[in-house]
């Protein structure tokens, strides 16, 4: 019997940690170089702007000091980046923020109108691109809070300076945008890339079940079996080499009995849990969102193409909102049953199977076309909408000979 009604499914720490490490490594490798180039280009532009208006600064020395502080942190970040841990230590990040706060105050004081034209806030605006270097190595919350604080201070200064002459408001708002946009956009890019990589890794893991036997143990159970195999091997090796005396003492006998019991339980589970059960429970995306009902284990009778089509369709229906960045995945119910009046699967190797997919929150034209193509691989289907609920009824012919493949 295969039925899943739980909303949360335990995940293997080993698998979760490996996927997280791979995801973070890919994010850094892809984004570090691009962020470095963008930071240097924006700061070079602001530096040129500073030299073009150098005669307008009432207290030029303060602005130069601000630029020196920004340049020092920029060089230090570019030089030390690959010598630091994967995540920038909090104390080092706070130290950089402190230096940038001093640079911000110096630039505001050095460019404050002294009766003449207002000089642009170049060093203060350069803090935003410099903050972009921290995006891949600090949590998004830290970056957004710093960007919000920087933007808020600059906005107050720009509006205050524009009160006597509203024509200064436009260039001032451009300065605020240059300072705030890079870290905010960079944070969104990192978040989107991590989501994409997580989805692709999850899809690869889920599709690996397509080629597995109809009834089999899953990846998480494989890890447990590897542990039990090692424990049994050590026990047998101890007996063979004489390290473990016979007859076994009470503790060793209990340990051996525990290993045998767990192995028998895994063997039983391997004959009752289908590939579809493992595909759903071991997926970080499908596990919390899909309710599977397959009391007869009919999924084991699907051939490889049908499995691939069904799994791809379900994955696309669930992942659409996540890939679009619109929120949490949808909820989906997947039911497999024999139509009323058909023979049991044990006596009819080519019996008809009914697969019903129900999901909520799907607009009428919001289903990925690839999902329909995948469903056609499973069998004939009829879709219907009731409010915001999409119901897909698929009729297919299962092959019990595929259950042991």
Protein backbone atom coordinates (compact mmCIF):
# COMPACT_ATOMS: atom_id res chain seq x y z
CA UNK A 1 0.00 0.00 0.00
CA UNK A 2 1.31 3.44 -0.94
CA UNK A 3 -0.34 6.45 0.57
CA UNK A 4 1.25 9.73 1.63
CA UNK A 5 -0.77 12.30 3.54
CA UNK A 6 2.04 13.91 5.52
CA UNK A 7 2.78 17.54 4.73
CA UNK A 8 6.39 17.31 5.77
CA UNK A 9 8.89 14.61 4.90
CA UNK A 10 12.22 14.10 6.71
CA UNK A 11 15.26 14.81 4.60
CA UNK A 12 18.67 13.21 4.78
CA UNK A 13 21.19 15.62 6.37
CA UNK A 14 23.87 14.24 4.10
CA UNK A 15 21.86 14.79 0.93
CA UNK A 16 20.62 18.18 2.06
CA UNK A 17 24.13 19.33 2.99
CA UNK A 18 25.64 18.15 -0.27
CA UNK A 19 22.97 19.88 -2.32
CA UNK A 20 23.42 23.09 -0.33
CA UNK A 21 27.19 23.05 -0.73
CA UNK A 22 26.90 22.47 -4.47
CA UNK A 23 24.33 25.23 -4.82
CA UNK A 24 26.41 27.78 -2.90
CA UNK A 25 29.59 26.85 -4.74
CA UNK A 26 27.87 27.33 -8.08
CA UNK A 27 26.46 30.70 -7.00
CA UNK A 28 29.89 31.98 -5.99
CA UNK A 29 31.65 30.66 -9.07
CA UNK A 30 29.12 32.20 -11.45
CA UNK A 31 28.55 35.52 -9.71
CA UNK A 32 31.81 36.60 -8.09
CA UNK A 33 33.52 37.60 -11.32
CA UNK A 34 30.47 39.41 -12.68
CA UNK A 35 29.89 41.29 -9.43
CA UNK A 36 33.56 42.28 -9.28
CA UNK A 37 33.45 43.70 -12.81
CA UNK A 38 30.18 45.56 -12.15
CA UNK A 39 31.55 47.02 -8.90
CA UNK A 40 34.78 48.24 -10.45
CA UNK A 41 32.93 49.74 -13.44
CA UNK A 42 30.42 51.66 -11.30
CA UNK A 43 33.06 52.93 -8.90
CA UNK A 44 35.29 54.00 -11.83
CA UNK A 45 32.34 55.95 -13.26
CA UNK A 46 31.74 57.69 -9.93
CA UNK A 47 35.45 58.43 -9.59
CA UNK A 48 35.51 60.09 -13.03
CA UNK A 49 32.45 62.12 -12.00
CA UNK A 50 34.31 63.19 -8.86
CA UNK A 51 37.31 64.45 -10.86
CA UNK A 52 35.05 66.30 -13.30
CA UNK A 53 33.42 68.22 -10.44
CA UNK A 54 36.44 68.42 -8.17
CA UNK A 55 36.34 72.22 -8.08
CA UNK A 56 32.82 72.29 -6.64
CA UNK A 57 33.65 70.60 -3.32
CA UNK A 58 33.72 73.08 -0.42
CA UNK A 59 35.81 70.74 1.77
CA UNK A 60 37.72 68.70 -0.76
CA UNK A 61 39.92 67.01 1.83
CA UNK A 62 36.96 65.29 3.50
CA UNK A 63 35.68 63.89 0.20
CA UNK A 64 39.16 62.66 -0.71
CA UNK A 65 39.37 60.94 2.70
CA UNK A 66 36.01 59.31 2.01
CA UNK A 67 37.27 58.03 -1.34
CA UNK A 68 40.40 56.65 0.32
CA UNK A 69 38.29 54.65 2.77
CA UNK A 70 36.10 53.25 -0.02
CA UNK A 71 39.17 52.39 -2.12
CA UNK A 72 40.88 50.63 0.80
CA UNK A 73 37.84 48.40 1.47
CA UNK A 74 37.45 47.70 -2.24
CA UNK A 75 41.07 46.61 -2.67
CA UNK A 76 40.94 44.57 0.53
CA UNK A 77 37.78 42.80 -0.66
CA UNK A 78 39.24 41.97 -4.07
CA UNK A 79 42.54 40.74 -2.62
CA UNK A 80 41.22 38.80 0.38
CA UNK A 81 38.04 37.40 -1.17
CA UNK A 82 39.49 33.98 -2.04
CA UNK A 83 41.31 33.69 1.29
CA UNK A 84 38.18 34.13 3.37
CA UNK A 85 35.62 31.46 4.36
CA UNK A 86 32.67 30.74 2.10
CA UNK A 87 30.57 33.10 4.21
CA UNK A 88 32.05 36.44 5.20
CA UNK A 89 32.45 36.54 9.02
CA UNK A 90 29.97 38.83 10.72
CA UNK A 91 32.65 40.81 12.53
CA UNK A 92 34.44 41.54 9.25
CA UNK A 93 31.19 42.56 7.55
CA UNK A 94 30.29 44.87 10.43
CA UNK A 95 33.79 46.35 10.28
CA UNK A 96 33.35 47.13 6.58
CA UNK A 97 29.98 48.73 7.31
CA UNK A 98 31.61 50.88 9.98
CA UNK A 99 34.29 52.08 7.56
CA UNK A 100 31.65 52.84 4.93
CA UNK A 101 29.58 54.75 7.49
CA UNK A 102 32.58 56.97 8.18
CA UNK A 103 33.11 57.45 4.44
CA UNK A 104 29.44 58.37 4.05
CA UNK A 105 29.66 61.03 6.76
CA UNK A 106 32.90 62.45 5.32
CA UNK A 107 31.49 62.70 1.80
CA UNK A 108 28.28 64.36 2.99
CA UNK A 109 30.30 66.91 4.97
CA UNK A 110 32.80 67.46 2.17
CA UNK A 111 30.15 68.04 -0.51
CA UNK A 112 27.65 70.07 1.53
CA UNK A 113 26.77 73.32 -0.30
CA UNK A 114 28.71 76.25 1.04
CA UNK A 115 26.91 78.98 -0.83
CA UNK A 116 27.89 77.72 -4.27
CA UNK A 117 26.86 74.80 -6.47
CA UNK A 118 26.13 71.50 -4.76
CA UNK A 119 28.80 68.87 -5.43
CA UNK A 120 27.66 65.29 -6.19
CA UNK A 121 27.87 62.60 -3.51
CA UNK A 122 30.29 60.35 -5.39
CA UNK A 123 32.09 58.52 -2.57
CA UNK A 124 28.81 57.94 -0.73
CA UNK A 125 27.22 56.53 -3.88
CA UNK A 126 30.24 54.23 -4.35
CA UNK A 127 29.36 52.44 -1.12
CA UNK A 128 26.44 50.72 -2.87
CA UNK A 129 28.58 49.06 -5.59
CA UNK A 130 31.13 48.12 -2.92
CA UNK A 131 28.33 46.48 -0.93
CA UNK A 132 27.60 44.39 -4.04
CA UNK A 133 30.80 42.42 -3.35
CA UNK A 134 29.25 41.13 -0.13
CA UNK A 135 26.07 39.84 -1.76
CA UNK A 136 27.29 36.26 -2.52
CA UNK A 137 28.87 35.83 0.92
CA UNK A 138 26.29 37.28 3.31
CA UNK A 139 22.59 36.51 3.91
CA UNK A 140 20.16 38.58 1.85
CA UNK A 141 18.72 40.14 5.01
CA UNK A 142 22.07 41.70 5.95
CA UNK A 143 22.56 43.18 2.49
CA UNK A 144 19.05 44.58 2.21
CA UNK A 145 19.20 46.20 5.65
CA UNK A 146 22.51 47.90 4.81
CA UNK A 147 21.19 49.03 1.41
CA UNK A 148 18.01 50.39 2.99
CA UNK A 149 20.00 52.33 5.61
CA UNK A 150 22.31 53.76 2.92
CA UNK A 151 19.40 54.70 0.68
CA UNK A 152 17.49 56.29 3.55
CA UNK A 153 20.40 58.51 4.59
CA UNK A 154 21.16 59.56 1.02
CA UNK A 155 17.49 60.28 0.32
CA UNK A 156 17.24 62.58 3.34
CA UNK A 157 20.43 64.41 2.35
CA UNK A 158 19.38 64.75 -1.30
CA UNK A 159 15.91 66.11 -0.43
CA UNK A 160 17.37 68.51 2.16
CA UNK A 161 19.92 69.84 -0.31
CA UNK A 162 17.28 70.23 -3.03
CA UNK A 163 14.95 72.41 -0.97
CA UNK A 164 16.48 75.70 -2.15
CA UNK A 165 16.68 74.48 -5.77
CA UNK A 166 14.37 71.68 -6.87
CA UNK A 167 16.44 71.17 -10.01
CA UNK A 168 18.98 69.37 -7.83
CA UNK A 169 16.41 66.71 -6.92
CA UNK A 170 16.70 64.82 -10.22
CA UNK A 171 20.50 64.31 -10.14
CA UNK A 172 20.25 63.52 -6.44
CA UNK A 173 17.73 60.74 -7.03
CA UNK A 174 20.05 59.29 -9.68
CA UNK A 175 22.78 59.19 -7.03
CA UNK A 176 20.47 57.34 -4.64
CA UNK A 177 19.58 54.84 -7.39
CA UNK A 178 23.26 54.18 -8.20
CA UNK A 179 23.93 53.52 -4.53
CA UNK A 180 20.93 51.29 -3.78
CA UNK A 181 20.22 49.42 -7.02
CA UNK A 182 23.42 47.28 -7.28
CA UNK A 183 23.13 45.46 -3.92
CA UNK A 184 19.34 45.06 -4.22
CA UNK A 185 19.49 43.71 -7.77
CA UNK A 186 22.47 41.52 -6.87
CA UNK A 187 20.57 40.02 -3.95
CA UNK A 188 17.66 39.13 -6.22
CA UNK A 189 20.03 37.56 -8.76
CA UNK A 190 21.65 35.38 -6.10
CA UNK A 191 18.27 34.34 -4.73
CA UNK A 192 16.95 33.47 -8.19
CA UNK A 193 20.06 31.47 -9.09
CA UNK A 194 19.95 29.50 -5.86
CA UNK A 195 16.28 28.71 -6.44
CA UNK A 196 17.00 27.60 -10.00
CA UNK A 197 19.90 25.36 -8.96
CA UNK A 198 17.89 23.85 -6.12
CA UNK A 199 15.03 23.05 -8.50
CA UNK A 200 17.37 21.48 -11.06
CA UNK A 201 19.11 19.37 -8.43
CA UNK A 202 15.75 18.25 -7.09
CA UNK A 203 14.57 17.34 -10.60
CA UNK A 204 17.70 15.27 -11.24
CA UNK A 205 17.20 13.39 -7.98
CA UNK A 206 13.51 12.78 -8.69
CA UNK A 207 14.13 11.56 -12.25
CA UNK A 208 16.64 9.01 -10.98
CA UNK A 209 13.70 6.98 -9.67
CA UNK A 210 12.29 6.53 -13.19
CA UNK A 211 14.84 3.82 -14.03
CA UNK A 212 14.61 2.07 -10.65
CA UNK A 213 12.62 -1.13 -10.08
CA UNK A 214 8.88 -0.75 -9.59
CA UNK A 215 9.23 -1.75 -5.94
CA UNK A 216 12.54 -0.69 -4.43
CA UNK A 217 14.18 1.10 -1.57
CA UNK A 218 14.85 4.80 -1.92
CA UNK A 219 18.00 6.88 -1.65
CA UNK A 220 17.49 7.55 2.05
CA UNK A 221 17.04 3.86 2.74
CA UNK A 222 20.16 3.14 0.71
CA UNK A 223 22.17 5.28 3.13
CA UNK A 224 20.70 3.33 6.04
CA UNK A 225 21.45 0.00 4.33
CA UNK A 226 25.06 1.08 3.77
CA UNK A 227 25.34 1.74 7.52
CA UNK A 228 23.81 -1.63 8.38
CA UNK A 229 26.06 -3.38 5.87
CA UNK A 230 29.14 -1.86 7.48
CA UNK A 231 27.97 -2.86 10.96
CA UNK A 232 27.28 -6.45 9.84
CA UNK A 233 30.63 -6.65 8.07
CA UNK A 234 32.49 -5.54 11.20
CA UNK A 235 30.59 -8.05 13.31
CA UNK A 236 31.29 -10.95 10.93
CA UNK A 237 34.92 -9.92 10.54
CA UNK A 238 35.31 -9.96 14.32
CA UNK A 239 33.92 -13.48 14.49
CA UNK A 240 36.10 -14.69 11.59
CA UNK A 241 39.33 -13.26 13.01
CA UNK A 242 38.62 -14.36 16.58
CA UNK A 243 38.33 -10.84 18.03
CA UNK A 244 34.73 -11.59 18.92
CA UNK A 245 34.43 -14.68 21.06
CA UNK A 246 31.77 -17.32 20.55
CA UNK A 247 29.18 -17.70 21.93
CA UNK A 248 28.37 -13.98 21.62
CA UNK A 249 27.91 -12.00 24.78
CA UNK A 250 24.53 -10.48 25.49
CA UNK A 251 25.33 -6.97 24.17
CA UNK A 252 26.87 -8.24 20.92
CA UNK A 253 23.97 -10.65 20.37
CA UNK A 254 21.47 -7.82 20.86
CA UNK A 255 23.38 -5.69 18.34
CA UNK A 256 23.38 -8.55 15.81
CA UNK A 257 19.66 -9.12 16.33
CA UNK A 258 19.00 -5.39 15.82
CA UNK A 259 20.91 -5.40 12.53
CA UNK A 260 18.99 -8.43 11.30
CA UNK A 261 15.65 -6.88 12.25
CA UNK A 262 16.40 -3.63 10.47
CA UNK A 263 17.53 -5.51 7.35
CA UNK A 264 14.28 -7.51 7.30
CA UNK A 265 12.24 -4.30 7.67
CA UNK A 266 14.06 -2.73 4.73
CA UNK A 267 13.44 -5.83 2.64
CA UNK A 268 9.72 -5.66 3.45
CA UNK A 269 9.59 -1.93 2.64
CA UNK A 270 11.34 -2.60 -0.65
CA UNK A 271 8.39 -4.77 -1.70
CA UNK A 272 5.64 -2.36 -0.63
CA UNK A 273 6.96 1.10 -1.57
CA UNK A 274 6.92 1.98 -5.26
CA UNK A 275 9.32 4.18 -7.20
CA UNK A 276 6.69 6.97 -7.17
CA UNK A 277 6.51 6.88 -3.38
CA UNK A 278 10.26 7.42 -3.15
CA UNK A 279 10.21 10.10 -5.86
CA UNK A 280 7.70 12.12 -3.84
CA UNK A 281 9.02 11.58 -0.32
CA UNK A 282 12.67 12.20 -1.19
CA UNK A 283 12.03 15.41 -3.11
CA UNK A 284 12.39 18.71 -1.29
CA UNK A 285 9.85 20.25 -3.68
CA UNK A 286 7.29 17.45 -4.05
CA UNK A 287 7.41 16.07 -0.52
CA UNK A 288 5.65 18.95 1.29
CA UNK A 289 3.23 19.71 -1.58
CA UNK A 290 2.09 16.41 -3.11
CA UNK A 291 -0.42 14.02 -1.56
CA UNK A 292 -0.05 10.58 -3.14
CA UNK A 293 -2.74 7.90 -2.96
CA UNK A 294 -1.75 4.55 -4.48
CA UNK A 295 -3.18 1.87 -2.17
CA UNK A 296 -2.52 -0.99 -4.63
CA UNK A 297 0.97 0.11 -5.66
CA UNK A 298 -0.17 0.57 -9.26
CA UNK A 299 2.67 2.99 -10.06
CA UNK A 300 5.00 0.00 -10.20
CA UNK A 301 3.21 -1.17 -13.35
CA UNK A 302 4.05 1.92 -15.39
CA UNK A 303 6.77 1.55 -17.98
CA UNK A 304 9.75 3.89 -18.17
CA UNK A 305 8.20 6.39 -20.59
CA UNK A 306 4.99 6.56 -18.59
CA UNK A 307 6.93 7.11 -15.37
CA UNK A 308 8.98 9.88 -16.93
CA UNK A 309 5.87 11.58 -18.31
CA UNK A 310 3.93 11.39 -15.05
CA UNK A 311 6.80 12.59 -12.91
CA UNK A 312 7.69 15.42 -15.29
CA UNK A 313 4.09 16.63 -15.43
CA UNK A 314 3.72 16.62 -11.65
CA UNK A 315 7.06 18.40 -11.19
CA UNK A 316 6.18 21.10 -13.74
CA UNK A 317 2.76 21.70 -12.18
CA UNK A 318 4.30 22.09 -8.72
CA UNK A 319 7.40 24.08 -9.67
CA UNK A 320 5.75 26.71 -11.91
CA UNK A 321 5.13 29.30 -9.14
CA UNK A 322 8.60 28.70 -7.65
CA UNK A 323 10.39 29.15 -10.98
CA UNK A 324 8.39 32.31 -11.62
CA UNK A 325 9.32 33.66 -8.18
CA UNK A 326 5.69 34.17 -7.18
CA UNK A 327 5.72 32.29 -3.90
CA UNK A 328 5.28 28.83 -2.44
CA UNK A 329 4.67 25.76 -4.63
CA UNK A 330 1.11 24.67 -5.30
CA UNK A 331 -0.53 21.74 -3.58
CA UNK A 332 -1.29 18.69 -5.69
CA UNK A 333 -3.15 15.42 -5.17
CA UNK A 334 -2.16 12.36 -7.18
CA UNK A 335 -4.48 9.33 -7.12
CA UNK A 336 -3.87 6.00 -8.87
CA UNK A 337 -6.66 3.41 -8.99
CA UNK A 338 -8.26 0.74 -11.14
CA UNK A 339 -11.55 1.74 -12.76
CA UNK A 340 -14.59 0.05 -11.24
CA UNK A 341 -15.21 -3.39 -12.74
CA UNK A 342 -11.66 -4.16 -13.90
CA UNK A 343 -9.70 -7.23 -12.85
CA UNK A 344 -7.10 -7.06 -10.08
CA UNK A 345 -3.66 -6.35 -11.38
CA UNK A 346 -2.44 -9.81 -10.38
CA UNK A 347 -4.77 -11.51 -12.87
CA UNK A 348 -4.71 -9.04 -15.76
CA UNK A 349 -1.24 -7.95 -16.90
CA UNK A 350 -2.60 -5.28 -19.23
CA UNK A 351 -5.31 -3.74 -17.07
CA UNK A 352 -6.47 -0.16 -17.43
CA UNK A 353 -5.35 2.32 -14.80
CA UNK A 354 -6.88 5.66 -13.87
CA UNK A 355 -4.58 8.48 -12.74
CA UNK A 356 -6.19 11.65 -11.37
CA UNK A 357 -4.10 14.81 -10.85
CA UNK A 358 -5.77 17.64 -8.94
CA UNK A 359 -4.04 20.93 -8.19
CA UNK A 360 -5.26 24.29 -6.98
CA UNK A 361 -4.30 27.83 -7.86
CA UNK A 362 -3.74 27.14 -11.56
CA UNK A 363 -5.00 29.69 -14.09
CA UNK A 364 -6.74 28.26 -17.15
CA UNK A 365 -3.85 29.19 -19.45
CA UNK A 366 -1.14 28.94 -16.80
CA UNK A 367 0.01 25.35 -17.33
CA UNK A 368 3.42 24.86 -18.92
CA UNK A 369 2.91 23.35 -22.42
CA UNK A 370 5.64 20.84 -21.59
CA UNK A 371 3.36 19.44 -18.87
CA UNK A 372 0.71 18.50 -21.43
CA UNK A 373 3.33 16.86 -23.64
CA UNK A 374 4.53 14.85 -20.64
CA UNK A 375 0.99 13.74 -19.77
CA UNK A 376 0.46 12.47 -23.34
CA UNK A 377 3.30 10.01 -22.70
CA UNK A 378 1.26 8.51 -19.83
CA UNK A 379 -2.00 8.01 -21.71
CA UNK A 380 -5.21 9.66 -22.87
CA UNK A 381 -6.30 12.53 -20.65
CA UNK A 382 -9.21 14.88 -20.06
CA UNK A 383 -8.77 18.13 -18.16
CA UNK A 384 -11.41 20.19 -16.41
CA UNK A 385 -11.47 23.38 -14.35
CA UNK A 386 -13.63 24.06 -11.33
CA UNK A 387 -12.90 27.48 -9.92
CA UNK A 388 -9.17 27.53 -9.30
CA UNK A 389 -8.82 23.72 -9.26
CA UNK A 390 -7.41 21.91 -12.28
CA UNK A 391 -8.35 18.24 -12.55
CA UNK A 392 -6.61 15.97 -15.05
CA UNK A 393 -7.92 12.44 -15.53
CA UNK A 394 -5.48 10.16 -17.33
CA UNK A 395 -6.43 6.72 -18.60
CA UNK A 396 -3.54 4.41 -19.32
CA UNK A 397 -2.72 0.72 -19.61
CA UNK A 398 -0.23 -0.57 -17.06
CA UNK A 399 2.08 -3.51 -17.55
CA UNK A 400 2.71 -5.66 -14.51
CA UNK A 401 5.83 -7.01 -16.14
CA UNK A 402 7.34 -3.56 -15.59
CA UNK A 403 7.00 -3.84 -11.82
CA UNK A 404 10.21 -5.82 -11.39
CA UNK A 405 12.23 -3.97 -14.05
